[in-house]
Amino acid sequence: MARRLVDLIETHADELTASLVEQLKTHRTTIGLRKYDDLELGRRSRELYHHLGWWLRSSSEAEVEKTFRNFGRVERGEGIPLSDLVGALLLTRRNLWSFIESKVGDSILDLRQEIDLQLLVVRFFDRAIYFSVRGFEEAEGEAPAPAVRLAARAS
């Protein structure tokens, strides 16, 4: 795995977060998220970016499923449209790629690491989106779920 690039993402989580918050506040696919202030949008974004390496290296399919199904339930309970939930996850991934592309060199090794990381990230976000949508759909008619944190659970 492209460990150097994952470490780069985690150490620049604040920079990635600031960029993403601006996009979430203005992009046409995330109108429903505008009810949150910058601090809340930042908290949610930072948790994902800061722990992305853990998600890519250590998390199991069951952990991703549990976390993101719960995330989808919470978002539905908070009145976020499903399209905005998906839009936010897609913007998160695009923001990440813009950052990576600005940091990767031109050597074959750098390009190979970028491709390896891209495959892992795409696979992760595909699962995150799918399970978030499943949780969102399952929440129909349920009482609102408590807030969920996306942070990795080491214990």
C-alpha atoms as a PDB file:
ATOM      1  CA  MET A   1       0.000   0.000   0.000  1.00  0.00           C
ATOM      2  CA  ALA A   2       1.070   3.555  -0.551  1.00  0.00           C
ATOM      3  CA  ARG A   3       1.758   4.153   3.131  1.00  0.00           C
ATOM      4  CA  ARG A   4       3.562   7.445   2.508  1.00  0.00           C
ATOM      5  CA  LEU A   5       0.490   8.878   0.780  1.00  0.00           C
ATOM      6  CA  VAL A   6      -1.860   7.667   3.513  1.00  0.00           C
ATOM      7  CA  ASP A   7       0.398   9.252   6.123  1.00  0.00           C
ATOM      8  CA  LEU A   8       0.370  12.451   4.067  1.00  0.00           C
ATOM      9  CA  ILE A   9      -3.440  12.463   4.090  1.00  0.00           C
ATOM     10  CA  GLU A  10      -3.627  11.927   7.828  1.00  0.00           C
ATOM     11  CA  THR A  11      -1.063  14.599   8.644  1.00  0.00           C
ATOM     12  CA  HIS A  12      -2.834  17.092   6.367  1.00  0.00           C
ATOM     13  CA  ALA A  13      -6.332  16.274   7.634  1.00  0.00           C
ATOM     14  CA  ASP A  14      -6.899  19.889   8.712  1.00  0.00           C
ATOM     15  CA  GLU A  15      -5.980  21.240   5.262  1.00  0.00           C
ATOM     16  CA  LEU A  16      -8.209  18.673   3.580  1.00  0.00           C
ATOM     17  CA  THR A  17     -11.001  19.490   6.014  1.00  0.00           C
ATOM     18  CA  ALA A  18     -10.883  23.231   5.364  1.00  0.00           C
ATOM     19  CA  SER A  19     -11.072  22.662   1.628  1.00  0.00           C
ATOM     20  CA  LEU A  20     -13.939  20.188   1.955  1.00  0.00           C
ATOM     21  CA  VAL A  21     -15.971  22.410   4.293  1.00  0.00           C
ATOM     22  CA  GLU A  22     -15.898  25.200   1.705  1.00  0.00           C
ATOM     23  CA  GLN A  23     -17.108  22.786  -0.959  1.00  0.00           C
ATOM     24  CA  LEU A  24     -19.838  21.310   1.245  1.00  0.00           C
ATOM     25  CA  LYS A  25     -21.168  24.804   1.960  1.00  0.00           C
ATOM     26  CA  THR A  26     -21.353  25.842  -1.688  1.00  0.00           C
ATOM     27  CA  HIS A  27     -21.743  22.794  -3.918  1.00  0.00           C
ATOM     28  CA  ARG A  28     -25.128  22.190  -5.502  1.00  0.00           C
ATOM     29  CA  THR A  29     -25.144  18.539  -4.376  1.00  0.00           C
ATOM     30  CA  THR A  30     -24.978  19.363  -0.660  1.00  0.00           C
ATOM     31  CA  ILE A  31     -27.643  22.011  -0.126  1.00  0.00           C
ATOM     32  CA  GLY A  32     -29.109  20.043   2.798  1.00  0.00           C
ATOM     33  CA  LEU A  33     -25.823  20.216   4.688  1.00  0.00           C
ATOM     34  CA  ARG A  34     -25.877  24.001   4.802  1.00  0.00           C
ATOM     35  CA  LYS A  35     -27.885  23.833   7.999  1.00  0.00           C
ATOM     36  CA  TYR A  36     -24.680  22.816   9.794  1.00  0.00           C
ATOM     37  CA  ASP A  37     -22.110  25.396  10.830  1.00  0.00           C
ATOM     38  CA  ASP A  38     -18.450  25.227   9.815  1.00  0.00           C
ATOM     39  CA  LEU A  39     -17.460  23.584  13.103  1.00  0.00           C
ATOM     40  CA  GLU A  40     -19.867  20.679  12.667  1.00  0.00           C
ATOM     41  CA  LEU A  41     -18.995  20.185   9.005  1.00  0.00           C
ATOM     42  CA  GLY A  42     -15.333  20.356   9.958  1.00  0.00           C
ATOM     43  CA  ARG A  43     -15.710  17.817  12.758  1.00  0.00           C
ATOM     44  CA  ARG A  44     -17.383  15.318  10.463  1.00  0.00           C
ATOM     45  CA  SER A  45     -14.847  15.814   7.671  1.00  0.00           C
ATOM     46  CA  ARG A  46     -11.777  15.769   9.921  1.00  0.00           C
ATOM     47  CA  GLU A  47     -12.801  12.472  11.525  1.00  0.00           C
ATOM     48  CA  LEU A  48     -12.947  10.755   8.176  1.00  0.00           C
ATOM     49  CA  TYR A  49      -9.686  12.184   6.830  1.00  0.00           C
ATOM     50  CA  HIS A  50      -7.771  11.806  10.086  1.00  0.00           C
ATOM     51  CA  HIS A  51      -8.674   8.128  10.357  1.00  0.00           C
ATOM     52  CA  LEU A  52      -8.645   7.228   6.679  1.00  0.00           C
ATOM     53  CA  GLY A  53      -5.410   5.284   7.010  1.00  0.00           C
ATOM     54  CA  TRP A  54      -6.941   3.105   9.696  1.00  0.00           C
ATOM     55  CA  TRP A  55     -10.000   2.530   7.546  1.00  0.00           C
ATOM     56  CA  LEU A  56      -7.832   1.504   4.602  1.00  0.00           C
ATOM     57  CA  ARG A  57      -5.326  -0.632   6.504  1.00  0.00           C
ATOM     58  CA  SER A  58      -7.174  -2.168   9.405  1.00  0.00           C
ATOM     59  CA  SER A  59     -10.921  -1.990   9.140  1.00  0.00           C
ATOM     60  CA  SER A  60     -12.957  -5.016   8.225  1.00  0.00           C
ATOM     61  CA  GLU A  61     -15.962  -5.110   5.938  1.00  0.00           C
ATOM     62  CA  ALA A  62     -18.152  -5.604   9.019  1.00  0.00           C
ATOM     63  CA  GLU A  63     -16.737  -2.463  10.706  1.00  0.00           C
ATOM     64  CA  VAL A  64     -17.255  -0.346   7.600  1.00  0.00           C
ATOM     65  CA  GLU A  65     -20.787  -1.708   7.227  1.00  0.00           C
ATOM     66  CA  LYS A  66     -21.727  -1.070  10.856  1.00  0.00           C
ATOM     67  CA  THR A  67     -20.278   2.451  10.941  1.00  0.00           C
ATOM     68  CA  PHE A  68     -21.718   3.659   7.667  1.00  0.00           C
ATOM     69  CA  ARG A  69     -25.137   2.048   8.065  1.00  0.00           C
ATOM     70  CA  ASN A  70     -25.382   3.902  11.348  1.00  0.00           C
ATOM     71  CA  PHE A  71     -24.121   7.056   9.640  1.00  0.00           C
ATOM     72  CA  GLY A  72     -26.896   6.754   7.029  1.00  0.00           C
ATOM     73  CA  ARG A  73     -29.514   6.303   9.752  1.00  0.00           C
ATOM     74  CA  VAL A  74     -28.304   9.396  11.589  1.00  0.00           C
ATOM     75  CA  GLU A  75     -28.288  11.498   8.435  1.00  0.00           C
ATOM     76  CA  ARG A  76     -31.855  10.481   7.637  1.00  0.00           C
ATOM     77  CA  GLY A  77     -32.878  11.211  11.221  1.00  0.00           C
ATOM     78  CA  GLU A  78     -31.370  14.680  10.883  1.00  0.00           C
ATOM     79  CA  GLY A  79     -33.360  15.327   7.716  1.00  0.00           C
ATOM     80  CA  ILE A  80     -30.482  15.226   5.257  1.00  0.00           C
ATOM     81  CA  PRO A  81     -31.660  14.208   1.772  1.00  0.00           C
ATOM     82  CA  LEU A  82     -30.148  10.979   0.476  1.00  0.00           C
ATOM     83  CA  SER A  83     -28.750  12.781  -2.567  1.00  0.00           C
ATOM     84  CA  ASP A  84     -26.891  15.189  -0.255  1.00  0.00           C
ATOM     85  CA  LEU A  85     -25.451  12.316   1.774  1.00  0.00           C
ATOM     86  CA  VAL A  86     -24.101  10.695  -1.400  1.00  0.00           C
ATOM     87  CA  GLY A  87     -22.992  14.076  -2.755  1.00  0.00           C
ATOM     88  CA  ALA A  88     -21.015  14.769   0.419  1.00  0.00           C
ATOM     89  CA  LEU A  89     -19.197  11.436   0.252  1.00  0.00           C
ATOM     90  CA  LEU A  90     -18.392  11.970  -3.434  1.00  0.00           C
ATOM     91  CA  LEU A  91     -17.065  15.482  -2.719  1.00  0.00           C
ATOM     92  CA  THR A  92     -14.967  14.034   0.097  1.00  0.00           C
ATOM     93  CA  ARG A  93     -13.379  11.581  -2.316  1.00  0.00           C
ATOM     94  CA  ARG A  94     -12.846  14.210  -5.043  1.00  0.00           C
ATOM     95  CA  ASN A  95     -11.300  16.621  -2.556  1.00  0.00           C
ATOM     96  CA  LEU A  96      -8.929  13.887  -1.467  1.00  0.00           C
ATOM     97  CA  TRP A  97      -7.851  13.195  -5.063  1.00  0.00           C
ATOM     98  CA  SER A  98      -7.221  16.840  -5.803  1.00  0.00           C
ATOM     99  CA  PHE A  99      -4.966  16.944  -2.756  1.00  0.00           C
ATOM    100  CA  ILE A 100      -3.106  13.733  -3.671  1.00  0.00           C
ATOM    101  CA  GLU A 101      -2.563  14.861  -7.244  1.00  0.00           C
ATOM    102  CA  SER A 102      -1.007  18.092  -5.987  1.00  0.00           C
ATOM    103  CA  LYS A 103       1.445  16.155  -3.787  1.00  0.00           C
ATOM    104  CA  VAL A 104       2.491  13.212  -5.969  1.00  0.00           C
ATOM    105  CA  GLY A 105       5.702  13.395  -7.956  1.00  0.00           C
ATOM    106  CA  ASP A 106       6.280  12.199 -11.485  1.00  0.00           C
ATOM    107  CA  SER A 107       8.380   9.120 -10.843  1.00  0.00           C
ATOM    108  CA  ILE A 108       7.096   5.673 -11.734  1.00  0.00           C
ATOM    109  CA  LEU A 109       7.182   4.727  -8.044  1.00  0.00           C
ATOM    110  CA  ASP A 110       5.074   7.760  -7.103  1.00  0.00           C
ATOM    111  CA  LEU A 111       2.583   7.001  -9.850  1.00  0.00           C
ATOM    112  CA  ARG A 112       2.381   3.340  -8.809  1.00  0.00           C
ATOM    113  CA  GLN A 113       1.746   4.362  -5.205  1.00  0.00           C
ATOM    114  CA  GLU A 114      -0.960   6.752  -6.351  1.00  0.00           C
ATOM    115  CA  ILE A 115      -2.671   3.992  -8.344  1.00  0.00           C
ATOM    116  CA  ASP A 116      -2.485   1.594  -5.392  1.00  0.00           C
ATOM    117  CA  LEU A 117      -3.954   4.210  -3.089  1.00  0.00           C
ATOM    118  CA  GLN A 118      -6.631   5.136  -5.599  1.00  0.00           C
ATOM    119  CA  LEU A 119      -7.823   1.532  -5.757  1.00  0.00           C
ATOM    120  CA  LEU A 120      -8.035   1.310  -1.974  1.00  0.00           C
ATOM    121  CA  VAL A 121      -9.808   4.642  -1.622  1.00  0.00           C
ATOM    122  CA  VAL A 122     -12.321   3.914  -4.363  1.00  0.00           C
ATOM    123  CA  ARG A 123     -13.107   0.554  -2.810  1.00  0.00           C
ATOM    124  CA  PHE A 124     -13.512   2.180   0.623  1.00  0.00           C
ATOM    125  CA  PHE A 125     -15.780   4.991  -0.615  1.00  0.00           C
ATOM    126  CA  ASP A 126     -17.867   2.552  -2.662  1.00  0.00           C
ATOM    127  CA  ARG A 127     -18.535   0.572   0.507  1.00  0.00           C
ATOM    128  CA  ALA A 128     -19.085   3.712   2.597  1.00  0.00           C
ATOM    129  CA  ILE A 129     -21.636   5.061   0.121  1.00  0.00           C
ATOM    130  CA  TYR A 130     -23.441   1.744  -0.252  1.00  0.00           C
ATOM    131  CA  PHE A 131     -23.734   1.112   3.484  1.00  0.00           C
ATOM    132  CA  SER A 132     -24.711   4.723   4.193  1.00  0.00           C
ATOM    133  CA  VAL A 133     -27.555   4.407   1.701  1.00  0.00           C
ATOM    134  CA  ARG A 134     -28.608   1.075   3.229  1.00  0.00           C
ATOM    135  CA  GLY A 135     -28.699   2.625   6.685  1.00  0.00           C
ATOM    136  CA  PHE A 136     -30.590   5.631   5.347  1.00  0.00           C
ATOM    137  CA  GLU A 137     -33.219   3.378   3.755  1.00  0.00           C
ATOM    138  CA  GLU A 138     -33.520   1.206   6.849  1.00  0.00           C
ATOM    139  CA  ALA A 139     -34.157   4.260   9.012  1.00  0.00           C
ATOM    140  CA  GLU A 140     -37.501   4.966   7.342  1.00  0.00           C
ATOM    141  CA  GLY A 141     -40.058   5.048  10.109  1.00  0.00           C
ATOM    142  CA  GLU A 142     -37.496   4.631  12.899  1.00  0.00           C
ATOM    143  CA  ALA A 143     -36.909   7.098  15.691  1.00  0.00           C
ATOM    144  CA  PRO A 144     -33.869   9.300  14.980  1.00  0.00           C
ATOM    145  CA  ALA A 145     -30.586   7.565  15.804  1.00  0.00           C
ATOM    146  CA  PRO A 146     -28.065   9.216  18.124  1.00  0.00           C
ATOM    147  CA  ALA A 147     -25.172  11.089  16.534  1.00  0.00           C
ATOM    148  CA  VAL A 148     -22.440   8.858  15.207  1.00  0.00           C
ATOM    149  CA  ARG A 149     -18.724   9.454  15.081  1.00  0.00           C
ATOM    150  CA  LEU A 150     -16.836   8.044  12.140  1.00  0.00           C
ATOM    151  CA  ALA A 151     -13.568   7.873  14.055  1.00  0.00           C
ATOM    152  CA  ALA A 152     -11.715   4.590  14.116  1.00  0.00           C
ATOM    153  CA  ARG A 153     -12.288   2.502  17.158  1.00  0.00           C
ATOM    154  CA  ALA A 154      -8.950   1.077  18.205  1.00  0.00           C
ATOM    155  CA  SER A 155     -10.352  -0.827  21.176  1.00  0.00           C
END
